Each structure stands twice: as C-alpha cells, then as structure tokens.
Amino acid sequence: MKKVYFLQTCDTCRRILKEVNADDFDKQEIKTNPITVAQLEEMYSFTNSYEGLFNKRAKLYREMDLKNQNLTEQDYKQHILDEYTFLKRPVFIVDNEIFVGNSKKTVESLKEKLNS
C-alpha cells in the first residue's frame, strides 16, 4: 500500500510530493477530503501516538493557546479530527511504515524506503 495525506495549498507538501515522485501513491487531500476516524486510527497504529501526528506549528495551535493546556492523547486525536491543519503533514504510508511530517530526516528515510 502506498498512500499519502497532504494539503494542496501547502508548498512544502507539493515540493515533497514532487521530490519523491508520488505518482503511484493513493493521494488524499485532507482539506477537501478530511481524514476519517478509521484513517487516523490506522496512522496511530504505526506511531502509537496522536501527539506524534499532531502539528504543533499550526497557526491555530497558537491561537487556541493549546501549548499552555495539558492535552491528552484523546485531545490530540479529537483536534486532528476537528481541524485538518492539526495533522502533521505530509503523511506517507508505504507498505507497513509511516513517514510523518516534512523534516529532512523523514523525507530522506522515505526516499530510502521507496528506492529499496
């Protein structure tokens, strides 16, 4: 299975999709086609952490002052389901591995996986 969750309006997502040549991926644009509970739970099964899937750089994170709240895993899950900007992106699932976010290290690991 090759799947990617991304945001079309995000320059970084578009750059990474091009960089890794995601033509043969099942693509899901999360603003127009929000992730489901089942999809989020599938991502969680790889990471065992909703916080690990959560985008703490989102503008809304600051606006809602979530940094100063004591959030539980369930809180992170609910925020991601309520607002697409809270999913750290892009999220690539390749076979039985997940690659979350846009750090250089994550993108390099993804490229290695795709080229192996």
PDB file of N, CA and C in Angstrom:
ATOM      1  N   MET A   1       0.838  -1.192   0.000  1.00  0.00           N
ATOM      2  CA  MET A   1       0.000   0.000   0.000  1.00  0.00           C
ATOM      3  C   MET A   1       0.877   1.248   0.000  1.00  0.00           C
ATOM      4  N   LYS A   2       0.502   2.184  -0.844  1.00  0.00           N
ATOM      5  CA  LYS A   2       1.182   3.473  -0.872  1.00  0.00           C
ATOM      6  C   LYS A   2       0.117   4.557  -0.820  1.00  0.00           C
ATOM      7  N   LYS A   3       0.122   5.309   0.266  1.00  0.00           N
ATOM      8  CA  LYS A   3      -0.897   6.342   0.459  1.00  0.00           C
ATOM      9  C   LYS A   3      -0.220   7.592   1.001  1.00  0.00           C
ATOM     10  N   VAL A   4      -0.720   8.746   0.602  1.00  0.00           N
ATOM     11  CA  VAL A   4      -0.206  10.000   1.148  1.00  0.00           C
ATOM     12  C   VAL A   4      -1.379  10.917   1.482  1.00  0.00           C
ATOM     13  N   TYR A   5      -1.281  11.517   2.656  1.00  0.00           N
ATOM     14  CA  TYR A   5      -2.235  12.539   3.095  1.00  0.00           C
ATOM     15  C   TYR A   5      -1.489  13.861   3.030  1.00  0.00           C
ATOM     16  N   PHE A   6      -2.073  14.844   2.339  1.00  0.00           N
ATOM     17  CA  PHE A   6      -1.364  16.099   2.143  1.00  0.00           C
ATOM     18  C   PHE A   6      -2.354  17.253   2.018  1.00  0.00           C
ATOM     19  N   LEU A   7      -1.813  18.456   1.956  1.00  0.00           N
ATOM     20  CA  LEU A   7      -2.608  19.663   1.797  1.00  0.00           C
ATOM     21  C   LEU A   7      -2.176  20.333   0.495  1.00  0.00           C
ATOM     22  N   GLN A   8      -3.108  20.488  -0.433  1.00  0.00           N
ATOM     23  CA  GLN A   8      -2.793  21.032  -1.760  1.00  0.00           C
ATOM     24  C   GLN A   8      -2.248  22.459  -1.688  1.00  0.00           C
ATOM     25  N   THR A   9      -2.685  23.222  -0.706  1.00  0.00           N
ATOM     26  CA  THR A   9      -2.247  24.619  -0.609  1.00  0.00           C
ATOM     27  C   THR A   9      -0.897  24.767   0.091  1.00  0.00           C
ATOM     28  N   CYS A  10      -0.313  23.662   0.519  1.00  0.00           N
ATOM     29  CA  CYS A  10       0.961  23.699   1.245  1.00  0.00           C
ATOM     30  C   CYS A  10       2.119  23.516   0.257  1.00  0.00           C
ATOM     31  N   ASP A  11       2.946  24.554   0.114  1.00  0.00           N
ATOM     32  CA  ASP A  11       4.092  24.493  -0.800  1.00  0.00           C
ATOM     33  C   ASP A  11       5.033  23.347  -0.438  1.00  0.00           C
ATOM     34  N   THR A  12       5.253  23.151   0.854  1.00  0.00           N
ATOM     35  CA  THR A  12       6.166  22.095   1.308  1.00  0.00           C
ATOM     36  C   THR A  12       5.628  20.720   0.909  1.00  0.00           C
ATOM     37  N   CYS A  13       4.334  20.499   1.095  1.00  0.00           N
ATOM     38  CA  CYS A  13       3.731  19.221   0.689  1.00  0.00           C
ATOM     39  C   CYS A  13       3.909  19.001  -0.813  1.00  0.00           C
ATOM     40  N   ARG A  14       3.626  20.016  -1.601  1.00  0.00           N
ATOM     41  CA  ARG A  14       3.749  19.887  -3.060  1.00  0.00           C
ATOM     42  C   ARG A  14       5.191  19.595  -3.461  1.00  0.00           C
ATOM     43  N   ARG A  15       6.134  20.273  -2.823  1.00  0.00           N
ATOM     44  CA  ARG A  15       7.556  20.056  -3.126  1.00  0.00           C
ATOM     45  C   ARG A  15       7.948  18.610  -2.817  1.00  0.00           C
ATOM     46  N   ILE A  16       7.553  18.116  -1.647  1.00  0.00           N
ATOM     47  CA  ILE A  16       7.924  16.756  -1.245  1.00  0.00           C
ATOM     48  C   ILE A  16       7.261  15.725  -2.163  1.00  0.00           C
ATOM     49  N   LEU A  17       6.002  15.939  -2.525  1.00  0.00           N
ATOM     50  CA  LEU A  17       5.322  15.013  -3.435  1.00  0.00           C
ATOM     51  C   LEU A  17       6.085  14.906  -4.760  1.00  0.00           C
ATOM     52  N   LYS A  18       6.560  16.038  -5.251  1.00  0.00           N
ATOM     53  CA  LYS A  18       7.327  16.059  -6.491  1.00  0.00           C
ATOM     54  C   LYS A  18       8.689  15.385  -6.291  1.00  0.00           C
ATOM     55  N   GLU A  19       9.316  15.699  -5.162  1.00  0.00           N
ATOM     56  CA  GLU A  19      10.653  15.194  -4.844  1.00  0.00           C
ATOM     57  C   GLU A  19      10.691  13.665  -4.778  1.00  0.00           C
ATOM     58  N   VAL A  20       9.672  13.064  -4.203  1.00  0.00           N
ATOM     59  CA  VAL A  20       9.659  11.608  -4.043  1.00  0.00           C
ATOM     60  C   VAL A  20       8.906  10.907  -5.177  1.00  0.00           C
ATOM     61  N   ASN A  21       8.399  11.689  -6.124  1.00  0.00           N
ATOM     62  CA  ASN A  21       7.640  11.152  -7.252  1.00  0.00           C
ATOM     63  C   ASN A  21       6.492  10.276  -6.759  1.00  0.00           C
ATOM     64  N   ALA A  22       5.463  10.924  -6.274  1.00  0.00           N
ATOM     65  CA  ALA A  22       4.332  10.229  -5.648  1.00  0.00           C
ATOM     66  C   ALA A  22       3.237   9.859  -6.646  1.00  0.00           C
ATOM     67  N   ASP A  23       3.603   9.695  -7.913  1.00  0.00           N
ATOM     68  CA  ASP A  23       2.604   9.393  -8.947  1.00  0.00           C
ATOM     69  C   ASP A  23       1.832   8.107  -8.669  1.00  0.00           C
ATOM     70  N   ASP A  24       2.511   7.093  -8.127  1.00  0.00           N
ATOM     71  CA  ASP A  24       1.835   5.812  -7.916  1.00  0.00           C
ATOM     72  C   ASP A  24       1.238   5.684  -6.507  1.00  0.00           C
ATOM     73  N   PHE A  25       1.108   6.802  -5.816  1.00  0.00           N
ATOM     74  CA  PHE A  25       0.503   6.813  -4.491  1.00  0.00           C
ATOM     75  C   PHE A  25      -0.984   7.099  -4.595  1.00  0.00           C
ATOM     76  N   ASP A  26      -1.749   6.534  -3.664  1.00  0.00           N
ATOM     77  CA  ASP A  26      -3.144   6.905  -3.474  1.00  0.00           C
ATOM     78  C   ASP A  26      -3.083   8.218  -2.685  1.00  0.00           C
ATOM     79  N   LYS A  27      -3.537   9.314  -3.296  1.00  0.00           N
ATOM     80  CA  LYS A  27      -3.401  10.637  -2.666  1.00  0.00           C
ATOM     81  C   LYS A  27      -4.740  11.079  -2.063  1.00  0.00           C
ATOM     82  N   GLN A  28      -4.641  11.663  -0.872  1.00  0.00           N
ATOM     83  CA  GLN A  28      -5.837  12.213  -0.229  1.00  0.00           C
ATOM     84  C   GLN A  28      -5.530  13.622   0.231  1.00  0.00           C
ATOM     85  N   GLU A  29      -6.230  14.582  -0.362  1.00  0.00           N
ATOM     86  CA  GLU A  29      -6.086  15.982   0.008  1.00  0.00           C
ATOM     87  C   GLU A  29      -6.987  16.198   1.221  1.00  0.00           C
ATOM     88  N   ILE A  30      -6.384  16.540   2.369  1.00  0.00           N
ATOM     89  CA  ILE A  30      -7.117  16.494   3.640  1.00  0.00           C
ATOM     90  C   ILE A  30      -8.068  17.662   3.884  1.00  0.00           C
ATOM     91  N   LYS A  31      -7.951  18.714   3.089  1.00  0.00           N
ATOM     92  CA  LYS A  31      -8.896  19.827   3.277  1.00  0.00           C
ATOM     93  C   LYS A  31     -10.221  19.510   2.572  1.00  0.00           C
ATOM     94  N   THR A  32     -10.146  19.020   1.349  1.00  0.00           N
ATOM     95  CA  THR A  32     -11.362  18.717   0.589  1.00  0.00           C
ATOM     96  C   THR A  32     -11.913  17.341   0.925  1.00  0.00           C
ATOM     97  N   ASN A  33     -11.044  16.449   1.423  1.00  0.00           N
ATOM     98  CA  ASN A  33     -11.450  15.089   1.760  1.00  0.00           C
ATOM     99  C   ASN A  33     -10.875  14.746   3.141  1.00  0.00           C
ATOM    100  N   PRO A  34     -11.530  15.236   4.200  1.00  0.00           N
ATOM    101  CA  PRO A  34     -10.977  15.081   5.561  1.00  0.00           C
ATOM    102  C   PRO A  34     -10.726  13.624   5.940  1.00  0.00           C
ATOM    103  N   ILE A  35      -9.742  13.438   6.803  1.00  0.00           N
ATOM    104  CA  ILE A  35      -9.430  12.081   7.244  1.00  0.00           C
ATOM    105  C   ILE A  35     -10.545  11.566   8.157  1.00  0.00           C
ATOM    106  N   THR A  36     -10.739  10.272   8.110  1.00  0.00           N
ATOM    107  CA  THR A  36     -11.783   9.638   8.915  1.00  0.00           C
ATOM    108  C   THR A  36     -11.169   9.129  10.218  1.00  0.00           C
ATOM    109  N   VAL A  37     -12.025   8.754  11.129  1.00  0.00           N
ATOM    110  CA  VAL A  37     -11.577   8.160  12.393  1.00  0.00           C
ATOM    111  C   VAL A  37     -10.750   6.908  12.088  1.00  0.00           C
ATOM    112  N   ALA A  38     -11.233   6.079  11.167  1.00  0.00           N
ATOM    113  CA  ALA A  38     -10.528   4.836  10.825  1.00  0.00           C
ATOM    114  C   ALA A  38      -9.138   5.135  10.251  1.00  0.00           C
ATOM    115  N   GLN A  39      -9.041   6.155   9.394  1.00  0.00           N
ATOM    116  CA  GLN A  39      -7.735   6.511   8.814  1.00  0.00           C
ATOM    117  C   GLN A  39      -6.779   7.014   9.889  1.00  0.00           C
ATOM    118  N   LEU A  40      -7.299   7.837  10.789  1.00  0.00           N
ATOM    119  CA  LEU A  40      -6.454   8.354  11.867  1.00  0.00           C
ATOM    120  C   LEU A  40      -6.011   7.212  12.783  1.00  0.00           C
ATOM    121  N   GLU A  41      -6.913   6.289  13.050  1.00  0.00           N
ATOM    122  CA  GLU A  41      -6.556   5.146  13.895  1.00  0.00           C
ATOM    123  C   GLU A  41      -5.525   4.246  13.207  1.00  0.00           C
ATOM    124  N   GLU A  42      -5.602   4.161  11.883  1.00  0.00           N
ATOM    125  CA  GLU A  42      -4.591   3.406  11.139  1.00  0.00           C
ATOM    126  C   GLU A  42      -3.222   4.083  11.303  1.00  0.00           C
ATOM    127  N   MET A  43      -3.182   5.399  11.168  1.00  0.00           N
ATOM    128  CA  MET A  43      -1.925   6.134  11.359  1.00  0.00           C
ATOM    129  C   MET A  43      -1.402   5.911  12.779  1.00  0.00           C
ATOM    130  N   TYR A  44      -2.311   5.960  13.740  1.00  0.00           N
ATOM    131  CA  TYR A  44      -1.950   5.756  15.138  1.00  0.00           C
ATOM    132  C   TYR A  44      -1.351   4.363  15.355  1.00  0.00           C
ATOM    133  N   SER A  45      -1.858   3.374  14.629  1.00  0.00           N
ATOM    134  CA  SER A  45      -1.349   2.006  14.790  1.00  0.00           C
ATOM    135  C   SER A  45       0.131   1.916  14.423  1.00  0.00           C
ATOM    136  N   PHE A  46       0.604   2.833  13.573  1.00  0.00           N
ATOM    137  CA  PHE A  46       2.022   2.867  13.210  1.00  0.00           C
ATOM    138  C   PHE A  46       2.846   3.655  14.229  1.00  0.00           C
ATOM    139  N   THR A  47       2.280   4.738  14.752  1.00  0.00           N
ATOM    140  CA  THR A  47       3.054   5.659  15.607  1.00  0.00           C
ATOM    141  C   THR A  47       2.824   5.435  17.095  1.00  0.00           C
ATOM    142  N   ASN A  48       1.662   4.870  17.458  1.00  0.00           N
ATOM    143  CA  ASN A  48       1.249   4.733  18.866  1.00  0.00           C
ATOM    144  C   ASN A  48       1.241   6.075  19.593  1.00  0.00           C
ATOM    145  N   SER A  49       0.997   7.149  18.835  1.00  0.00           N
ATOM    146  CA  SER A  49       0.972   8.475  19.433  1.00  0.00           C
ATOM    147  C   SER A  49       0.185   9.445  18.555  1.00  0.00           C
ATOM    148  N   TYR A  50      -0.920   9.955  19.090  1.00  0.00           N
ATOM    149  CA  TYR A  50      -1.643  11.006  18.365  1.00  0.00           C
ATOM    150  C   TYR A  50      -0.828  12.299  18.419  1.00  0.00           C
ATOM    151  N   GLU A  51      -0.107  12.484  19.504  1.00  0.00           N
ATOM    152  CA  GLU A  51       0.739  13.682  19.616  1.00  0.00           C
ATOM    153  C   GLU A  51       1.795  13.683  18.511  1.00  0.00           C
ATOM    154  N   GLY A  52       2.298  12.511  18.158  1.00  0.00           N
ATOM    155  CA  GLY A  52       3.290  12.400  17.088  1.00  0.00           C
ATOM    156  C   GLY A  52       2.727  12.757  15.720  1.00  0.00           C
ATOM    157  N   LEU A  53       1.418  12.689  15.580  1.00  0.00           N
ATOM    158  CA  LEU A  53       0.749  13.043  14.322  1.00  0.00           C
ATOM    159  C   LEU A  53       0.259  14.490  14.327  1.00  0.00           C
ATOM    160  N   PHE A  54       0.433  15.151  15.450  1.00  0.00           N
ATOM    161  CA  PHE A  54      -0.142  16.483  15.673  1.00  0.00           C
ATOM    162  C   PHE A  54       0.838  17.579  15.256  1.00  0.00           C
ATOM    163  N   ASN A  55       0.333  18.558  14.538  1.00  0.00           N
ATOM    164  CA  ASN A  55       1.145  19.669  14.049  1.00  0.00           C
ATOM    165  C   ASN A  55       1.126  20.824  15.060  1.00  0.00           C
ATOM    166  N   LYS A  56       2.196  20.927  15.826  1.00  0.00           N
ATOM    167  CA  LYS A  56       2.272  21.993  16.835  1.00  0.00           C
ATOM    168  C   LYS A  56       2.734  23.316  16.231  1.00  0.00           C
ATOM    169  N   ARG A  57       2.977  23.323  14.923  1.00  0.00           N
ATOM    170  CA  ARG A  57       3.368  24.561  14.260  1.00  0.00           C
ATOM    171  C   ARG A  57       2.178  25.261  13.602  1.00  0.00           C
ATOM    172  N   ALA A  58       1.011  24.652  13.711  1.00  0.00           N
ATOM    173  CA  ALA A  58      -0.191  25.232  13.108  1.00  0.00           C
ATOM    174  C   ALA A  58      -0.529  26.567  13.784  1.00  0.00           C
ATOM    175  N   LYS A  59      -0.957  27.500  12.963  1.00  0.00           N
ATOM    176  CA  LYS A  59      -1.346  28.819  13.466  1.00  0.00           C
ATOM    177  C   LYS A  59      -2.444  28.686  14.535  1.00  0.00           C
ATOM    178  N   LEU A  60      -3.373  27.796  14.287  1.00  0.00           N
ATOM    179  CA  LEU A  60      -4.493  27.578  15.207  1.00  0.00           C
ATOM    180  C   LEU A  60      -4.025  27.068  16.570  1.00  0.00           C
ATOM    181  N   TYR A  61      -2.911  26.341  16.579  1.00  0.00           N
ATOM    182  CA  TYR A  61      -2.343  25.834  17.838  1.00  0.00           C
ATOM    183  C   TYR A  61      -2.012  27.004  18.758  1.00  0.00           C
ATOM    184  N   ARG A  62      -1.413  28.040  18.192  1.00  0.00           N
ATOM    185  CA  ARG A  62      -1.087  29.244  18.975  1.00  0.00           C
ATOM    186  C   ARG A  62      -2.351  30.029  19.318  1.00  0.00           C
ATOM    187  N   GLU A  63      -3.220  30.189  18.320  1.00  0.00           N
ATOM    188  CA  GLU A  63      -4.449  30.960  18.519  1.00  0.00           C
ATOM    189  C   GLU A  63      -5.324  30.371  19.626  1.00  0.00           C
ATOM    190  N   MET A  64      -5.373  29.049  19.697  1.00  0.00           N
ATOM    191  CA  MET A  64      -6.198  28.385  20.712  1.00  0.00           C
ATOM    192  C   MET A  64      -5.438  28.205  22.025  1.00  0.00           C
ATOM    193  N   ASP A  65      -4.186  28.654  22.050  1.00  0.00           N
ATOM    194  CA  ASP A  65      -3.323  28.563  23.229  1.00  0.00           C
ATOM    195  C   ASP A  65      -3.230  27.125  23.756  1.00  0.00           C
ATOM    196  N   LEU A  66      -3.125  26.185  22.827  1.00  0.00           N
ATOM    197  CA  LEU A  66      -3.072  24.777  23.216  1.00  0.00           C
ATOM    198  C   LEU A  66      -1.757  24.418  23.904  1.00  0.00           C
ATOM    199  N   LYS A  67      -0.710  25.203  23.629  1.00  0.00           N
ATOM    200  CA  LYS A  67       0.601  24.939  24.234  1.00  0.00           C
ATOM    201  C   LYS A  67       0.525  24.985  25.756  1.00  0.00           C
ATOM    202  N   ASN A  68      -0.344  25.843  26.276  1.00  0.00           N
ATOM    203  CA  ASN A  68      -0.461  26.010  27.718  1.00  0.00           C
ATOM    204  C   ASN A  68      -1.546  25.137  28.337  1.00  0.00           C
ATOM    205  N   GLN A  69      -2.050  24.190  27.548  1.00  0.00           N
ATOM    206  CA  GLN A  69      -3.042  23.261  28.077  1.00  0.00           C
ATOM    207  C   GLN A  69      -2.405  21.883  28.206  1.00  0.00           C
ATOM    208  N   ASN A  70      -2.887  21.118  29.133  1.00  0.00           N
ATOM    209  CA  ASN A  70      -2.364  19.774  29.350  1.00  0.00           C
ATOM    210  C   ASN A  70      -3.182  18.801  28.506  1.00  0.00           C
ATOM    211  N   LEU A  71      -2.759  18.592  27.259  1.00  0.00           N
ATOM    212  CA  LEU A  71      -3.532  17.784  26.324  1.00  0.00           C
ATOM    213  C   LEU A  71      -3.235  16.292  26.481  1.00  0.00           C
ATOM    214  N   THR A  72      -4.295  15.501  26.406  1.00  0.00           N
ATOM    215  CA  THR A  72      -4.156  14.044  26.460  1.00  0.00           C
ATOM    216  C   THR A  72      -4.099  13.515  25.027  1.00  0.00           C
ATOM    217  N   GLU A  73      -3.798  12.235  24.890  1.00  0.00           N
ATOM    218  CA  GLU A  73      -3.802  11.614  23.560  1.00  0.00           C
ATOM    219  C   GLU A  73      -5.183  11.762  22.913  1.00  0.00           C
ATOM    220  N   GLN A  74      -6.254  11.624  23.698  1.00  0.00           N
ATOM    221  CA  GLN A  74      -7.610  11.777  23.165  1.00  0.00           C
ATOM    222  C   GLN A  74      -7.858  13.204  22.689  1.00  0.00           C
ATOM    223  N   ASP A  75      -7.289  14.188  23.412  1.00  0.00           N
ATOM    224  CA  ASP A  75      -7.422  15.587  22.980  1.00  0.00           C
ATOM    225  C   ASP A  75      -6.755  15.781  21.622  1.00  0.00           C
ATOM    226  N   TYR A  76      -5.529  15.244  21.480  1.00  0.00           N
ATOM    227  CA  TYR A  76      -4.813  15.362  20.206  1.00  0.00           C
ATOM    228  C   TYR A  76      -5.620  14.718  19.084  1.00  0.00           C
ATOM    229  N   LYS A  77      -6.158  13.531  19.347  1.00  0.00           N
ATOM    230  CA  LYS A  77      -6.960  12.820  18.349  1.00  0.00           C
ATOM    231  C   LYS A  77      -8.150  13.670  17.921  1.00  0.00           C
ATOM    232  N   GLN A  78      -8.872  14.212  18.900  1.00  0.00           N
ATOM    233  CA  GLN A  78     -10.068  14.995  18.595  1.00  0.00           C
ATOM    234  C   GLN A  78      -9.728  16.270  17.818  1.00  0.00           C
ATOM    235  N   HIS A  79      -8.655  16.941  18.216  1.00  0.00           N
ATOM    236  CA  HIS A  79      -8.251  18.161  17.492  1.00  0.00           C
ATOM    237  C   HIS A  79      -7.912  17.851  16.045  1.00  0.00           C
ATOM    238  N   ILE A  80      -7.200  16.733  15.798  1.00  0.00           N
ATOM    239  CA  ILE A  80      -6.850  16.351  14.418  1.00  0.00           C
ATOM    240  C   ILE A  80      -8.113  16.067  13.612  1.00  0.00           C
ATOM    241  N   LEU A  81      -9.066  15.393  14.219  1.00  0.00           N
ATOM    242  CA  LEU A  81     -10.311  15.086  13.512  1.00  0.00           C
ATOM    243  C   LEU A  81     -11.155  16.343  13.280  1.00  0.00           C
ATOM    244  N   ASP A  82     -11.104  17.281  14.208  1.00  0.00           N
ATOM    245  CA  ASP A  82     -11.906  18.507  14.098  1.00  0.00           C
ATOM    246  C   ASP A  82     -11.338  19.498  13.091  1.00  0.00           C
ATOM    247  N   GLU A  83     -10.031  19.543  12.959  1.00  0.00           N
ATOM    248  CA  GLU A  83      -9.397  20.589  12.151  1.00  0.00           C
ATOM    249  C   GLU A  83      -8.209  20.006  11.378  1.00  0.00           C
ATOM    250  N   TYR A  84      -8.325  19.993  10.053  1.00  0.00           N
ATOM    251  CA  TYR A  84      -7.297  19.367   9.210  1.00  0.00           C
ATOM    252  C   TYR A  84      -5.894  19.953   9.410  1.00  0.00           C
ATOM    253  N   THR A  85      -5.798  21.220   9.808  1.00  0.00           N
ATOM    254  CA  THR A  85      -4.466  21.831   9.954  1.00  0.00           C
ATOM    255  C   THR A  85      -3.671  21.210  11.105  1.00  0.00           C
ATOM    256  N   PHE A  86      -4.331  20.463  11.968  1.00  0.00           N
ATOM    257  CA  PHE A  86      -3.623  19.860  13.101  1.00  0.00           C
ATOM    258  C   PHE A  86      -2.929  18.541  12.741  1.00  0.00           C
ATOM    259  N   LEU A  87      -3.146  18.016  11.530  1.00  0.00           N
ATOM    260  CA  LEU A  87      -2.413  16.818  11.128  1.00  0.00           C
ATOM    261  C   LEU A  87      -1.044  17.243  10.602  1.00  0.00           C
ATOM    262  N   LYS A  88      -0.001  16.706  11.207  1.00  0.00           N
ATOM    263  CA  LYS A  88       1.356  16.982  10.729  1.00  0.00           C
ATOM    264  C   LYS A  88       1.453  16.375   9.340  1.00  0.00           C
ATOM    265  N   ARG A  89       1.914  17.149   8.389  1.00  0.00           N
ATOM    266  CA  ARG A  89       1.879  16.672   7.011  1.00  0.00           C
ATOM    267  C   ARG A  89       3.167  16.967   6.263  1.00  0.00           C
ATOM    268  N   PRO A  90       3.341  16.249   5.157  1.00  0.00           N
ATOM    269  CA  PRO A  90       2.508  15.163   4.643  1.00  0.00           C
ATOM    270  C   PRO A  90       2.706  13.892   5.455  1.00  0.00           C
ATOM    271  N   VAL A  91       1.745  12.986   5.323  1.00  0.00           N
ATOM    272  CA  VAL A  91       1.846  11.666   5.954  1.00  0.00           C
ATOM    273  C   VAL A  91       1.882  10.635   4.828  1.00  0.00           C
ATOM    274  N   PHE A  92       2.980   9.914   4.744  1.00  0.00           N
ATOM    275  CA  PHE A  92       3.127   8.851   3.755  1.00  0.00           C
ATOM    276  C   PHE A  92       3.036   7.514   4.469  1.00  0.00           C
ATOM    277  N   ILE A  93       2.253   6.606   3.910  1.00  0.00           N
ATOM    278  CA  ILE A  93       2.230   5.223   4.388  1.00  0.00           C
ATOM    279  C   ILE A  93       2.711   4.362   3.220  1.00  0.00           C
ATOM    280  N   VAL A  94       3.810   3.662   3.460  1.00  0.00           N
ATOM    281  CA  VAL A  94       4.386   2.789   2.434  1.00  0.00           C
ATOM    282  C   VAL A  94       4.497   1.402   3.043  1.00  0.00           C
ATOM    283  N   ASP A  95       3.729   0.473   2.474  1.00  0.00           N
ATOM    284  CA  ASP A  95       3.668  -0.890   2.994  1.00  0.00           C
ATOM    285  C   ASP A  95       3.275  -0.849   4.470  1.00  0.00           C
ATOM    286  N   ASN A  96       4.188  -1.177   5.371  1.00  0.00           N
ATOM    287  CA  ASN A  96       3.842  -1.171   6.794  1.00  0.00           C
ATOM    288  C   ASN A  96       4.671  -0.155   7.564  1.00  0.00           C
ATOM    289  N   GLU A  97       5.048   0.941   6.885  1.00  0.00           N
ATOM    290  CA  GLU A  97       5.801   2.013   7.537  1.00  0.00           C
ATOM    291  C   GLU A  97       5.094   3.341   7.312  1.00  0.00           C
ATOM    292  N   ILE A  98       5.280   4.250   8.282  1.00  0.00           N
ATOM    293  CA  ILE A  98       4.680   5.572   8.171  1.00  0.00           C
ATOM    294  C   ILE A  98       5.783   6.623   8.254  1.00  0.00           C
ATOM    295  N   PHE A  99       5.601   7.690   7.481  1.00  0.00           N
ATOM    296  CA  PHE A  99       6.538   8.806   7.462  1.00  0.00           C
ATOM    297  C   PHE A  99       5.708  10.065   7.664  1.00  0.00           C
ATOM    298  N   VAL A 100       5.904  10.716   8.813  1.00  0.00           N
ATOM    299  CA  VAL A 100       5.054  11.835   9.212  1.00  0.00           C
ATOM    300  C   VAL A 100       5.858  13.124   9.229  1.00  0.00           C
ATOM    301  N   GLY A 101       5.360  14.127   8.512  1.00  0.00           N
ATOM    302  CA  GLY A 101       5.978  15.442   8.573  1.00  0.00           C
ATOM    303  C   GLY A 101       6.956  15.686   7.452  1.00  0.00           C
ATOM    304  N   ASN A 102       7.609  16.848   7.542  1.00  0.00           N
ATOM    305  CA  ASN A 102       8.442  17.293   6.432  1.00  0.00           C
ATOM    306  C   ASN A 102       9.902  17.526   6.816  1.00  0.00           C
ATOM    307  N   SER A 103      10.338  16.945   7.915  1.00  0.00           N
ATOM    308  CA  SER A 103      11.736  17.119   8.300  1.00  0.00           C
ATOM    309  C   SER A 103      12.633  16.452   7.263  1.00  0.00           C
ATOM    310  N   LYS A 104      13.846  16.978   7.114  1.00  0.00           N
ATOM    311  CA  LYS A 104      14.807  16.403   6.159  1.00  0.00           C
ATOM    312  C   LYS A 104      15.005  14.915   6.417  1.00  0.00           C
ATOM    313  N   LYS A 105      15.138  14.566   7.691  1.00  0.00           N
ATOM    314  CA  LYS A 105      15.380  13.172   8.081  1.00  0.00           C
ATOM    315  C   LYS A 105      14.216  12.275   7.641  1.00  0.00           C
ATOM    316  N   THR A 106      13.000  12.727   7.843  1.00  0.00           N
ATOM    317  CA  THR A 106      11.815  11.960   7.466  1.00  0.00           C
ATOM    318  C   THR A 106      11.749  11.770   5.950  1.00  0.00           C
ATOM    319  N   VAL A 107      11.995  12.846   5.216  1.00  0.00           N
ATOM    320  CA  VAL A 107      11.939  12.780   3.749  1.00  0.00           C
ATOM    321  C   VAL A 107      13.042  11.859   3.224  1.00  0.00           C
ATOM    322  N   GLU A 108      14.229  11.927   3.809  1.00  0.00           N
ATOM    323  CA  GLU A 108      15.333  11.046   3.383  1.00  0.00           C
ATOM    324  C   GLU A 108      14.983   9.588   3.664  1.00  0.00           C
ATOM    325  N   SER A 109      14.419   9.311   4.831  1.00  0.00           N
ATOM    326  CA  SER A 109      14.008   7.932   5.170  1.00  0.00           C
ATOM    327  C   SER A 109      12.973   7.423   4.171  1.00  0.00           C
ATOM    328  N   LEU A 110      12.036   8.289   3.800  1.00  0.00           N
ATOM    329  CA  LEU A 110      11.012   7.927   2.831  1.00  0.00           C
ATOM    330  C   LEU A 110      11.657   7.596   1.486  1.00  0.00           C
ATOM    331  N   LYS A 111      12.579   8.434   1.036  1.00  0.00           N
ATOM    332  CA  LYS A 111      13.258   8.194  -0.241  1.00  0.00           C
ATOM    333  C   LYS A 111      14.007   6.865  -0.216  1.00  0.00           C
ATOM    334  N   GLU A 112      14.676   6.593   0.894  1.00  0.00           N
ATOM    335  CA  GLU A 112      15.407   5.320   1.025  1.00  0.00           C
ATOM    336  C   GLU A 112      14.450   4.146   0.913  1.00  0.00           C
ATOM    337  N   LYS A 113      13.318   4.254   1.570  1.00  0.00           N
ATOM    338  CA  LYS A 113      12.309   3.181   1.535  1.00  0.00           C
ATOM    339  C   LYS A 113      11.803   2.975   0.104  1.00  0.00           C
ATOM    340  N   LEU A 114      11.543   4.062  -0.594  1.00  0.00           N
ATOM    341  CA  LEU A 114      10.992   3.972  -1.951  1.00  0.00           C
ATOM    342  C   LEU A 114      12.023   3.438  -2.950  1.00  0.00           C
ATOM    343  N   ASN A 115      13.292   3.654  -2.666  1.00  0.00           N
ATOM    344  CA  ASN A 115      14.346   3.219  -3.582  1.00  0.00           C
ATOM    345  C   ASN A 115      14.915   1.852  -3.230  1.00  0.00           C
ATOM    346  N   SER A 116      14.376   1.231  -2.174  1.00  0.00           N
ATOM    347  CA  SER A 116      14.926  -0.080  -1.763  1.00  0.00           C
ATOM    348  C   SER A 116      14.224  -1.222  -2.475  1.00  0.00           C
TER     349      SER A 116
END
